Structure formats: structure tokens, C-alpha cells
Amino acid sequence: MFSRISGAAHAALVVLLSSSALLSQQTPATPNCSAGCEFPVIMRQSVAAGKTVVGTKVEAKLIVATLLNGTVIPRDAVLSGEVTESATKSGTNPSRLAIRMDSAQWKSGSTPLKVYLTAWFYPEAAGMAAQDLSYQPADAANSKRNWNGMGTYPDPNNPISQQKFPGPESNDKDTSAASAPASNISKHRVLMKNVESASSTNGEIVLTSSRSNLKLDKLTAYVFAGEDLLPKK
């Protein structure tokens, strides 16, 4: 009797281990983006907090080759993900925006990942001023003649702000290969102006601004990472 029960238990254990092995092969773990892992990208569509709804699929082009757990993700790889939080500034409630990228794909390969939009960006080498993501500043009533009506005010100290951003009626999807060359971007990332970041209970990074509505354009090199980034020393 003892040998018969042991044999049945052994058979059940073999089946359980085989099933677990098969499941692990079918659902590979998402590679971990360790501390200091950064993905500088150019968005392929504009994103506006409160206007771009939660669940909207987004893509971005990697502008610098990045190492992820032994795998080199080459420049121009396309990161794909979605908007997970999106809210306009209302009364005392700040504007909120969160984007998660779930995969990277390039000509000869692909890999799953999990990285989030951070409050950092790489300015053009000639313009180190912090980016202002507001649709228009608080003193807009006295400065309307300076507003270009496309999402930013021209700033003579920041070449990025002098570009013409896509308006609401424009084709947000960027199907061209246009992206800022890595050689034109500063070697040092800077924080977005009037923007704060925090980690939610599930580890997701959420950006907030009490001064203006958050907006991403297709000209700036934003930084995605697996966790909130500290200033570089």
C-alpha cells in the first residue's frame, strides 16, 4: 500500500514540475531595467495630459543604443507602450501624466521591457534651459503676442521652444524617420521645469505639475527608465 501511494505522489509531482517548466517557457520574465538604466527617446506622436486618454497606444524611437541585461537595444529601435494616467490641471488638482513602455523592437530582434516616462529630458546641446511643458504660462494674458499657439512660447534661450509643435488638428503619428541626432543632444539630462515625479504603489512613475498641463512633443529627447532617476554626479 505504501509503495502504491508513493508511486502516485511521485507521478503527480512529475506532472506538476513539467507543467511549471512549460509555463515558464511560454511566459518569459520581463527583463529588469536595473538602477541607472535609461532610454532616451523621441516620441512618435504628441501626448497631452487630459486630451490623450488613458489606454492610448504610443511609440517612441530610441536615440542612443542601450544595454538591457546583456542585450544591446540599438539606436532607432521602437519602444511601444501606452498612456496609464492622463489628467488636466483642475482647481487645486495638478495635471498628471504617466506612460509605460512594454516592448522594444528593431530590425533583427525584439524584447519585452517595463520602463516609465521620467521627469528628465536631454536638451539640444546649444540650449540647456529646462523645458516648460505648459500650453501657455500663467502670464499668458499679458503675453499673447508672443505665444505661437502650438503648445509653447518662443524662448530665445531655448532653441527647442522655438520649434513649431503639432497642433490638435495635425497628424500626431510621426511616420517619418525624423528624430533628433544623438550628436545634437547634450550629454547631460536636465529636469523638466515645474514638473514633479513620484512612484505609485505598483512602482509606476507618475509626473505631476501644479503650474500647467503636461504635454510631450515630437522634438524633445525624453527619458524612460525602470525607476525614478536621481541627478547625475
C-alpha atoms as a PDB file:
ATOM      1  CA  MET A   1       0.000   0.000   0.000  1.00  0.00           C
ATOM      2  CA  PHE A   2       2.805   2.436   0.954  1.00  0.00           C
ATOM      3  CA  SER A   3       4.640   1.877  -2.329  1.00  0.00           C
ATOM      4  CA  ARG A   4       1.457   2.407  -4.367  1.00  0.00           C
ATOM      5  CA  ILE A   5       0.725   5.773  -2.656  1.00  0.00           C
ATOM      6  CA  SER A   6       4.332   6.886  -3.060  1.00  0.00           C
ATOM      7  CA  GLY A   7       4.227   5.977  -6.734  1.00  0.00           C
ATOM      8  CA  ALA A   8       1.077   8.051  -7.285  1.00  0.00           C
ATOM      9  CA  ALA A   9       2.543  11.011  -5.420  1.00  0.00           C
ATOM     10  CA  HIS A  10       5.730  10.745  -7.485  1.00  0.00           C
ATOM     11  CA  ALA A  11       3.741  10.750 -10.716  1.00  0.00           C
ATOM     12  CA  ALA A  12       1.762  13.806  -9.597  1.00  0.00           C
ATOM     13  CA  LEU A  13       4.969  15.631  -8.699  1.00  0.00           C
ATOM     14  CA  VAL A  14       6.467  14.897 -12.132  1.00  0.00           C
ATOM     15  CA  VAL A  15       3.349  16.285 -13.841  1.00  0.00           C
ATOM     16  CA  LEU A  16       3.431  19.420 -11.661  1.00  0.00           C
ATOM     17  CA  LEU A  17       7.102  20.109 -12.361  1.00  0.00           C
ATOM     18  CA  SER A  18       6.625  19.531 -16.088  1.00  0.00           C
ATOM     19  CA  SER A  19       3.683  21.940 -16.175  1.00  0.00           C
ATOM     20  CA  SER A  20       5.662  24.596 -14.293  1.00  0.00           C
ATOM     21  CA  ALA A  21       8.582  24.247 -16.708  1.00  0.00           C
ATOM     22  CA  LEU A  22       6.287  24.538 -19.713  1.00  0.00           C
ATOM     23  CA  LEU A  23       4.554  27.601 -18.259  1.00  0.00           C
ATOM     24  CA  SER A  24       7.877  29.333 -17.611  1.00  0.00           C
ATOM     25  CA  GLN A  25       8.900  28.696 -21.216  1.00  0.00           C
ATOM     26  CA  GLN A  26       5.629  30.143 -22.522  1.00  0.00           C
ATOM     27  CA  THR A  27       5.712  33.291 -20.336  1.00  0.00           C
ATOM     28  CA  PRO A  28       9.296  34.591 -20.158  1.00  0.00           C
ATOM     29  CA  ALA A  29      10.016  37.122 -17.434  1.00  0.00           C
ATOM     30  CA  THR A  30      10.251  40.755 -18.440  1.00  0.00           C
ATOM     31  CA  PRO A  31      13.926  41.836 -18.377  1.00  0.00           C
ATOM     32  CA  ASN A  32      14.630  44.050 -15.393  1.00  0.00           C
ATOM     33  CA  CYS A  33      15.796  47.606 -16.103  1.00  0.00           C
ATOM     34  CA  SER A  34      18.308  47.956 -13.279  1.00  0.00           C
ATOM     35  CA  ALA A  35      19.229  51.157 -11.479  1.00  0.00           C
ATOM     36  CA  GLY A  36      20.761  53.685 -13.839  1.00  0.00           C
ATOM     37  CA  CYS A  37      19.203  52.095 -16.929  1.00  0.00           C
ATOM     38  CA  GLU A  38      17.949  54.905 -19.189  1.00  0.00           C
ATOM     39  CA  PHE A  39      16.167  55.019 -22.545  1.00  0.00           C
ATOM     40  CA  PRO A  40      16.430  58.450 -24.241  1.00  0.00           C
ATOM     41  CA  VAL A  41      13.709  58.569 -26.899  1.00  0.00           C
ATOM     42  CA  ILE A  42      11.872  60.830 -29.318  1.00  0.00           C
ATOM     43  CA  MET A  43       8.081  60.365 -29.178  1.00  0.00           C
ATOM     44  CA  ARG A  44       6.413  59.420 -32.459  1.00  0.00           C
ATOM     45  CA  GLN A  45       3.242  61.295 -31.509  1.00  0.00           C
ATOM     46  CA  SER A  46       2.431  64.240 -29.278  1.00  0.00           C
ATOM     47  CA  VAL A  47       0.834  63.496 -25.912  1.00  0.00           C
ATOM     48  CA  ALA A  48      -1.226  65.962 -23.859  1.00  0.00           C
ATOM     49  CA  ALA A  49      -2.424  65.245 -20.319  1.00  0.00           C
ATOM     50  CA  GLY A  50      -6.210  65.100 -20.234  1.00  0.00           C
ATOM     51  CA  LYS A  51      -6.518  65.107 -24.028  1.00  0.00           C
ATOM     52  CA  THR A  52      -4.641  61.879 -24.732  1.00  0.00           C
ATOM     53  CA  VAL A  53      -6.849  59.328 -22.974  1.00  0.00           C
ATOM     54  CA  VAL A  54      -5.672  56.508 -20.730  1.00  0.00           C
ATOM     55  CA  GLY A  55      -5.050  53.378 -22.781  1.00  0.00           C
ATOM     56  CA  THR A  56      -3.824  55.248 -25.858  1.00  0.00           C
ATOM     57  CA  LYS A  57      -1.054  53.264 -27.550  1.00  0.00           C
ATOM     58  CA  VAL A  58       2.162  55.220 -28.022  1.00  0.00           C
ATOM     59  CA  GLU A  59       5.542  54.658 -29.655  1.00  0.00           C
ATOM     60  CA  ALA A  60       8.959  56.266 -29.323  1.00  0.00           C
ATOM     61  CA  LYS A  61      12.263  55.923 -31.148  1.00  0.00           C
ATOM     62  CA  LEU A  62      15.422  55.191 -29.166  1.00  0.00           C
ATOM     63  CA  ILE A  63      18.166  57.714 -29.963  1.00  0.00           C
ATOM     64  CA  VAL A  64      21.065  56.026 -28.150  1.00  0.00           C
ATOM     65  CA  ALA A  65      21.875  52.294 -28.093  1.00  0.00           C
ATOM     66  CA  THR A  66      21.079  50.931 -24.621  1.00  0.00           C
ATOM     67  CA  LEU A  67      22.231  47.772 -22.822  1.00  0.00           C
ATOM     68  CA  LEU A  68      19.462  45.800 -21.112  1.00  0.00           C
ATOM     69  CA  ASN A  69      20.552  42.670 -19.224  1.00  0.00           C
ATOM     70  CA  GLY A  70      23.216  41.768 -21.756  1.00  0.00           C
ATOM     71  CA  THR A  71      21.081  42.647 -24.779  1.00  0.00           C
ATOM     72  CA  VAL A  72      22.050  45.707 -26.799  1.00  0.00           C
ATOM     73  CA  ILE A  73      18.935  47.537 -27.938  1.00  0.00           C
ATOM     74  CA  PRO A  74      20.176  49.526 -30.935  1.00  0.00           C
ATOM     75  CA  ARG A  75      19.557  53.130 -31.791  1.00  0.00           C
ATOM     76  CA  ASP A  76      16.313  53.659 -33.755  1.00  0.00           C
ATOM     77  CA  ALA A  77      14.633  50.705 -32.010  1.00  0.00           C
ATOM     78  CA  VAL A  78      10.932  51.429 -31.480  1.00  0.00           C
ATOM     79  CA  LEU A  79       9.564  51.313 -27.946  1.00  0.00           C
ATOM     80  CA  SER A  80       5.836  50.582 -27.690  1.00  0.00           C
ATOM     81  CA  GLY A  81       3.515  51.102 -24.753  1.00  0.00           C
ATOM     82  CA  GLU A  82       0.524  53.061 -23.528  1.00  0.00           C
ATOM     83  CA  VAL A  83      -0.658  56.044 -21.513  1.00  0.00           C
ATOM     84  CA  THR A  84      -1.583  54.888 -17.998  1.00  0.00           C
ATOM     85  CA  GLU A  85      -2.564  58.223 -16.414  1.00  0.00           C
ATOM     86  CA  SER A  86      -3.780  61.419 -18.046  1.00  0.00           C
ATOM     87  CA  ALA A  87      -5.490  64.346 -16.329  1.00  0.00           C
ATOM     88  CA  THR A  88      -5.603  68.101 -16.880  1.00  0.00           C
ATOM     89  CA  LYS A  89      -4.941  70.608 -14.121  1.00  0.00           C
ATOM     90  CA  SER A  90      -8.200  71.429 -12.363  1.00  0.00           C
ATOM     91  CA  GLY A  91      -8.503  73.750  -9.366  1.00  0.00           C
ATOM     92  CA  THR A  92      -6.072  72.503  -6.742  1.00  0.00           C
ATOM     93  CA  ASN A  93      -5.592  69.186  -8.558  1.00  0.00           C
ATOM     94  CA  PRO A  94      -2.369  69.027 -10.570  1.00  0.00           C
ATOM     95  CA  SER A  95      -2.024  67.824 -14.128  1.00  0.00           C
ATOM     96  CA  ARG A  96      -0.986  64.147 -14.176  1.00  0.00           C
ATOM     97  CA  LEU A  97       0.687  62.045 -16.854  1.00  0.00           C
ATOM     98  CA  ALA A  98       2.175  58.545 -16.846  1.00  0.00           C
ATOM     99  CA  ILE A  99       3.415  56.434 -19.763  1.00  0.00           C
ATOM    100  CA  ARG A 100       4.675  52.849 -19.636  1.00  0.00           C
ATOM    101  CA  MET A 101       6.664  51.207 -22.439  1.00  0.00           C
ATOM    102  CA  ASP A 102       6.272  47.417 -22.645  1.00  0.00           C
ATOM    103  CA  SER A 103       8.481  46.340 -25.537  1.00  0.00           C
ATOM    104  CA  ALA A 104      11.307  47.315 -27.873  1.00  0.00           C
ATOM    105  CA  GLN A 105      11.517  46.173 -31.478  1.00  0.00           C
ATOM    106  CA  TRP A 106      14.224  46.624 -34.088  1.00  0.00           C
ATOM    107  CA  LYS A 107      15.135  45.151 -37.461  1.00  0.00           C
ATOM    108  CA  SER A 108      16.786  41.988 -36.160  1.00  0.00           C
ATOM    109  CA  GLY A 109      15.058  41.434 -32.847  1.00  0.00           C
ATOM    110  CA  SER A 110      12.761  42.475 -30.037  1.00  0.00           C
ATOM    111  CA  THR A 111      12.497  42.252 -26.273  1.00  0.00           C
ATOM    112  CA  PRO A 112       9.876  42.880 -23.591  1.00  0.00           C
ATOM    113  CA  LEU A 113      10.660  45.557 -21.019  1.00  0.00           C
ATOM    114  CA  LYS A 114       8.950  47.759 -18.482  1.00  0.00           C
ATOM    115  CA  VAL A 115      10.074  51.388 -18.333  1.00  0.00           C
ATOM    116  CA  TYR A 116       8.273  54.618 -17.486  1.00  0.00           C
ATOM    117  CA  LEU A 117       8.380  58.264 -18.513  1.00  0.00           C
ATOM    118  CA  THR A 118      10.527  60.239 -16.066  1.00  0.00           C
ATOM    119  CA  ALA A 119      10.769  63.962 -15.374  1.00  0.00           C
ATOM    120  CA  TRP A 120      14.105  64.151 -17.214  1.00  0.00           C
ATOM    121  CA  PHE A 121      14.961  65.113 -20.783  1.00  0.00           C
ATOM    122  CA  TYR A 122      18.058  65.831 -22.888  1.00  0.00           C
ATOM    123  CA  PRO A 123      18.067  69.365 -24.311  1.00  0.00           C
ATOM    124  CA  GLU A 124      19.799  70.336 -27.500  1.00  0.00           C
ATOM    125  CA  ALA A 125      23.496  70.872 -26.921  1.00  0.00           C
ATOM    126  CA  ALA A 126      23.190  74.624 -27.556  1.00  0.00           C
ATOM    127  CA  GLY A 127      20.172  75.128 -25.247  1.00  0.00           C
ATOM    128  CA  MET A 128      20.433  73.963 -21.650  1.00  0.00           C
ATOM    129  CA  ALA A 129      17.377  75.735 -20.254  1.00  0.00           C
ATOM    130  CA  ALA A 130      14.799  73.491 -18.572  1.00  0.00           C
ATOM    131  CA  GLN A 131      11.825  72.691 -20.748  1.00  0.00           C
ATOM    132  CA  ASP A 132       8.486  74.259 -19.875  1.00  0.00           C
ATOM    133  CA  LEU A 133       5.672  71.840 -20.759  1.00  0.00           C
ATOM    134  CA  SER A 134       2.821  74.319 -20.314  1.00  0.00           C
ATOM    135  CA  TYR A 135       0.331  75.067 -23.042  1.00  0.00           C
ATOM    136  CA  GLN A 136       0.785  78.699 -22.036  1.00  0.00           C
ATOM    137  CA  PRO A 137       2.316  80.324 -18.945  1.00  0.00           C
ATOM    138  CA  ALA A 138       0.473  81.993 -16.088  1.00  0.00           C
ATOM    139  CA  ASP A 139       1.102  85.474 -17.530  1.00  0.00           C
ATOM    140  CA  ALA A 140      -0.318  84.489 -20.934  1.00  0.00           C
ATOM    141  CA  ALA A 141      -2.907  87.253 -20.771  1.00  0.00           C
ATOM    142  CA  ASN A 142      -0.103  89.798 -20.997  1.00  0.00           C
ATOM    143  CA  SER A 143       1.987  87.833 -23.482  1.00  0.00           C
ATOM    144  CA  LYS A 144      -0.413  86.595 -26.150  1.00  0.00           C
ATOM    145  CA  ARG A 145       1.516  88.311 -28.865  1.00  0.00           C
ATOM    146  CA  ASN A 146       4.450  86.008 -28.051  1.00  0.00           C
ATOM    147  CA  TRP A 147       2.531  82.733 -27.962  1.00  0.00           C
ATOM    148  CA  ASN A 148       2.865  80.696 -31.135  1.00  0.00           C
ATOM    149  CA  GLY A 149      -0.446  78.920 -30.466  1.00  0.00           C
ATOM    150  CA  MET A 150       1.107  75.470 -30.918  1.00  0.00           C
ATOM    151  CA  GLY A 151       1.886  74.463 -27.355  1.00  0.00           C
ATOM    152  CA  THR A 152       4.804  76.649 -26.291  1.00  0.00           C
ATOM    153  CA  TYR A 153       6.128  80.180 -26.097  1.00  0.00           C
ATOM    154  CA  PRO A 154       9.271  81.013 -28.052  1.00  0.00           C
ATOM    155  CA  ASP A 155      12.188  81.278 -25.648  1.00  0.00           C
ATOM    156  CA  PRO A 156      15.335  82.899 -27.081  1.00  0.00           C
ATOM    157  CA  ASN A 157      17.397  80.922 -24.562  1.00  0.00           C
ATOM    158  CA  ASN A 158      15.954  77.556 -25.561  1.00  0.00           C
ATOM    159  CA  PRO A 159      16.110  76.542 -29.261  1.00  0.00           C
ATOM    160  CA  ILE A 160      13.659  73.691 -28.599  1.00  0.00           C
ATOM    161  CA  SER A 161      10.877  76.121 -27.698  1.00  0.00           C
ATOM    162  CA  GLN A 162      11.339  77.972 -30.995  1.00  0.00           C
ATOM    163  CA  GLN A 163      10.235  74.935 -32.970  1.00  0.00           C
ATOM    164  CA  LYS A 164       6.688  74.680 -34.227  1.00  0.00           C
ATOM    165  CA  PHE A 165       4.872  71.970 -32.310  1.00  0.00           C
ATOM    166  CA  PRO A 166       1.993  69.955 -33.857  1.00  0.00           C
ATOM    167  CA  GLY A 167      -1.449  71.352 -33.166  1.00  0.00           C
ATOM    168  CA  PRO A 168      -4.579  69.379 -32.234  1.00  0.00           C
ATOM    169  CA  GLU A 169      -5.645  69.077 -35.862  1.00  0.00           C
ATOM    170  CA  SER A 170      -2.270  67.828 -37.075  1.00  0.00           C
ATOM    171  CA  ASN A 171      -1.394  64.232 -37.803  1.00  0.00           C
ATOM    172  CA  ASP A 172       0.061  63.180 -34.432  1.00  0.00           C
ATOM    173  CA  LYS A 173       1.587  59.962 -35.748  1.00  0.00           C
ATOM    174  CA  ASP A 174       5.099  60.506 -36.995  1.00  0.00           C
ATOM    175  CA  THR A 175       5.626  58.013 -39.794  1.00  0.00           C
ATOM    176  CA  SER A 176       8.881  59.554 -40.937  1.00  0.00           C
ATOM    177  CA  ALA A 177      12.308  58.561 -39.689  1.00  0.00           C
ATOM    178  CA  ALA A 178      12.913  62.059 -38.345  1.00  0.00           C
ATOM    179  CA  SER A 179      14.487  62.146 -34.912  1.00  0.00           C
ATOM    180  CA  ALA A 180      16.992  64.336 -33.160  1.00  0.00           C
ATOM    181  CA  PRO A 181      20.521  63.061 -33.859  1.00  0.00           C
ATOM    182  CA  ALA A 182      22.344  61.980 -30.715  1.00  0.00           C
ATOM    183  CA  SER A 183      25.225  64.306 -31.653  1.00  0.00           C
ATOM    184  CA  ASN A 184      22.912  67.338 -31.339  1.00  0.00           C
ATOM    185  CA  ILE A 185      21.796  66.471 -27.819  1.00  0.00           C
ATOM    186  CA  SER A 186      23.530  67.458 -24.611  1.00  0.00           C
ATOM    187  CA  LYS A 187      25.458  64.791 -22.710  1.00  0.00           C
ATOM    188  CA  HIS A 188      23.659  65.786 -19.520  1.00  0.00           C
ATOM    189  CA  ARG A 189      19.968  65.337 -18.851  1.00  0.00           C
ATOM    190  CA  VAL A 190      18.007  68.044 -17.022  1.00  0.00           C
ATOM    191  CA  LEU A 191      14.695  68.143 -15.173  1.00  0.00           C
ATOM    192  CA  MET A 192      11.541  69.433 -16.812  1.00  0.00           C
ATOM    193  CA  LYS A 193      10.533  72.813 -15.454  1.00  0.00           C
ATOM    194  CA  ASN A 194       7.716  72.856 -12.863  1.00  0.00           C
ATOM    195  CA  VAL A 195       7.313  69.081 -13.056  1.00  0.00           C
ATOM    196  CA  GLU A 196       7.494  66.606 -10.176  1.00  0.00           C
ATOM    197  CA  SER A 197       7.555  62.818 -10.223  1.00  0.00           C
ATOM    198  CA  ALA A 198       6.513  60.116  -7.767  1.00  0.00           C
ATOM    199  CA  SER A 199       6.255  56.339  -7.727  1.00  0.00           C
ATOM    200  CA  SER A 200       2.811  54.801  -7.294  1.00  0.00           C
ATOM    201  CA  THR A 201       2.112  51.711  -5.183  1.00  0.00           C
ATOM    202  CA  ASN A 202       2.762  49.442  -8.183  1.00  0.00           C
ATOM    203  CA  GLY A 203       6.112  51.081  -8.957  1.00  0.00           C
ATOM    204  CA  GLU A 204       4.839  53.189 -11.845  1.00  0.00           C
ATOM    205  CA  ILE A 205       6.283  56.693 -12.262  1.00  0.00           C
ATOM    206  CA  VAL A 206       3.675  59.459 -12.426  1.00  0.00           C
ATOM    207  CA  LEU A 207       4.506  63.039 -13.446  1.00  0.00           C
ATOM    208  CA  THR A 208       2.562  65.952 -11.971  1.00  0.00           C
ATOM    209  CA  SER A 209       2.509  69.696 -12.462  1.00  0.00           C
ATOM    210  CA  SER A 210       0.605  72.257 -10.389  1.00  0.00           C
ATOM    211  CA  ARG A 211       1.611  75.069 -12.726  1.00  0.00           C
ATOM    212  CA  SER A 212       0.450  73.851 -16.129  1.00  0.00           C
ATOM    213  CA  ASN A 213      -0.895  70.975 -18.197  1.00  0.00           C
ATOM    214  CA  LEU A 214       1.729  68.409 -19.108  1.00  0.00           C
ATOM    215  CA  LYS A 215       2.464  67.915 -22.788  1.00  0.00           C
ATOM    216  CA  LEU A 216       5.062  65.934 -24.733  1.00  0.00           C
ATOM    217  CA  ASP A 217       6.159  66.885 -28.248  1.00  0.00           C
ATOM    218  CA  LYS A 218       7.958  65.056 -31.050  1.00  0.00           C
ATOM    219  CA  LEU A 219      11.138  67.133 -30.919  1.00  0.00           C
ATOM    220  CA  THR A 220      12.423  66.582 -27.395  1.00  0.00           C
ATOM    221  CA  ALA A 221      14.522  63.660 -26.121  1.00  0.00           C
ATOM    222  CA  TYR A 222      12.569  62.352 -23.125  1.00  0.00           C
ATOM    223  CA  VAL A 223      13.989  59.768 -20.737  1.00  0.00           C
ATOM    224  CA  PHE A 224      12.278  56.492 -19.824  1.00  0.00           C
ATOM    225  CA  ALA A 225      13.584  54.303 -17.006  1.00  0.00           C
ATOM    226  CA  GLY A 226      12.623  51.383 -14.792  1.00  0.00           C
ATOM    227  CA  GLU A 227      12.605  53.588 -11.708  1.00  0.00           C
ATOM    228  CA  ASP A 228      12.827  57.248 -10.793  1.00  0.00           C
ATOM    229  CA  LEU A 229      16.222  58.693 -11.670  1.00  0.00           C
ATOM    230  CA  LEU A 230      18.494  60.688  -9.411  1.00  0.00           C
ATOM    231  CA  PRO A 231      20.604  63.598 -10.636  1.00  0.00           C
ATOM    232  CA  LYS A 232      23.898  62.501 -12.179  1.00  0.00           C
ATOM    233  CA  LYS A 233      27.004  63.422 -10.212  1.00  0.00           C
END
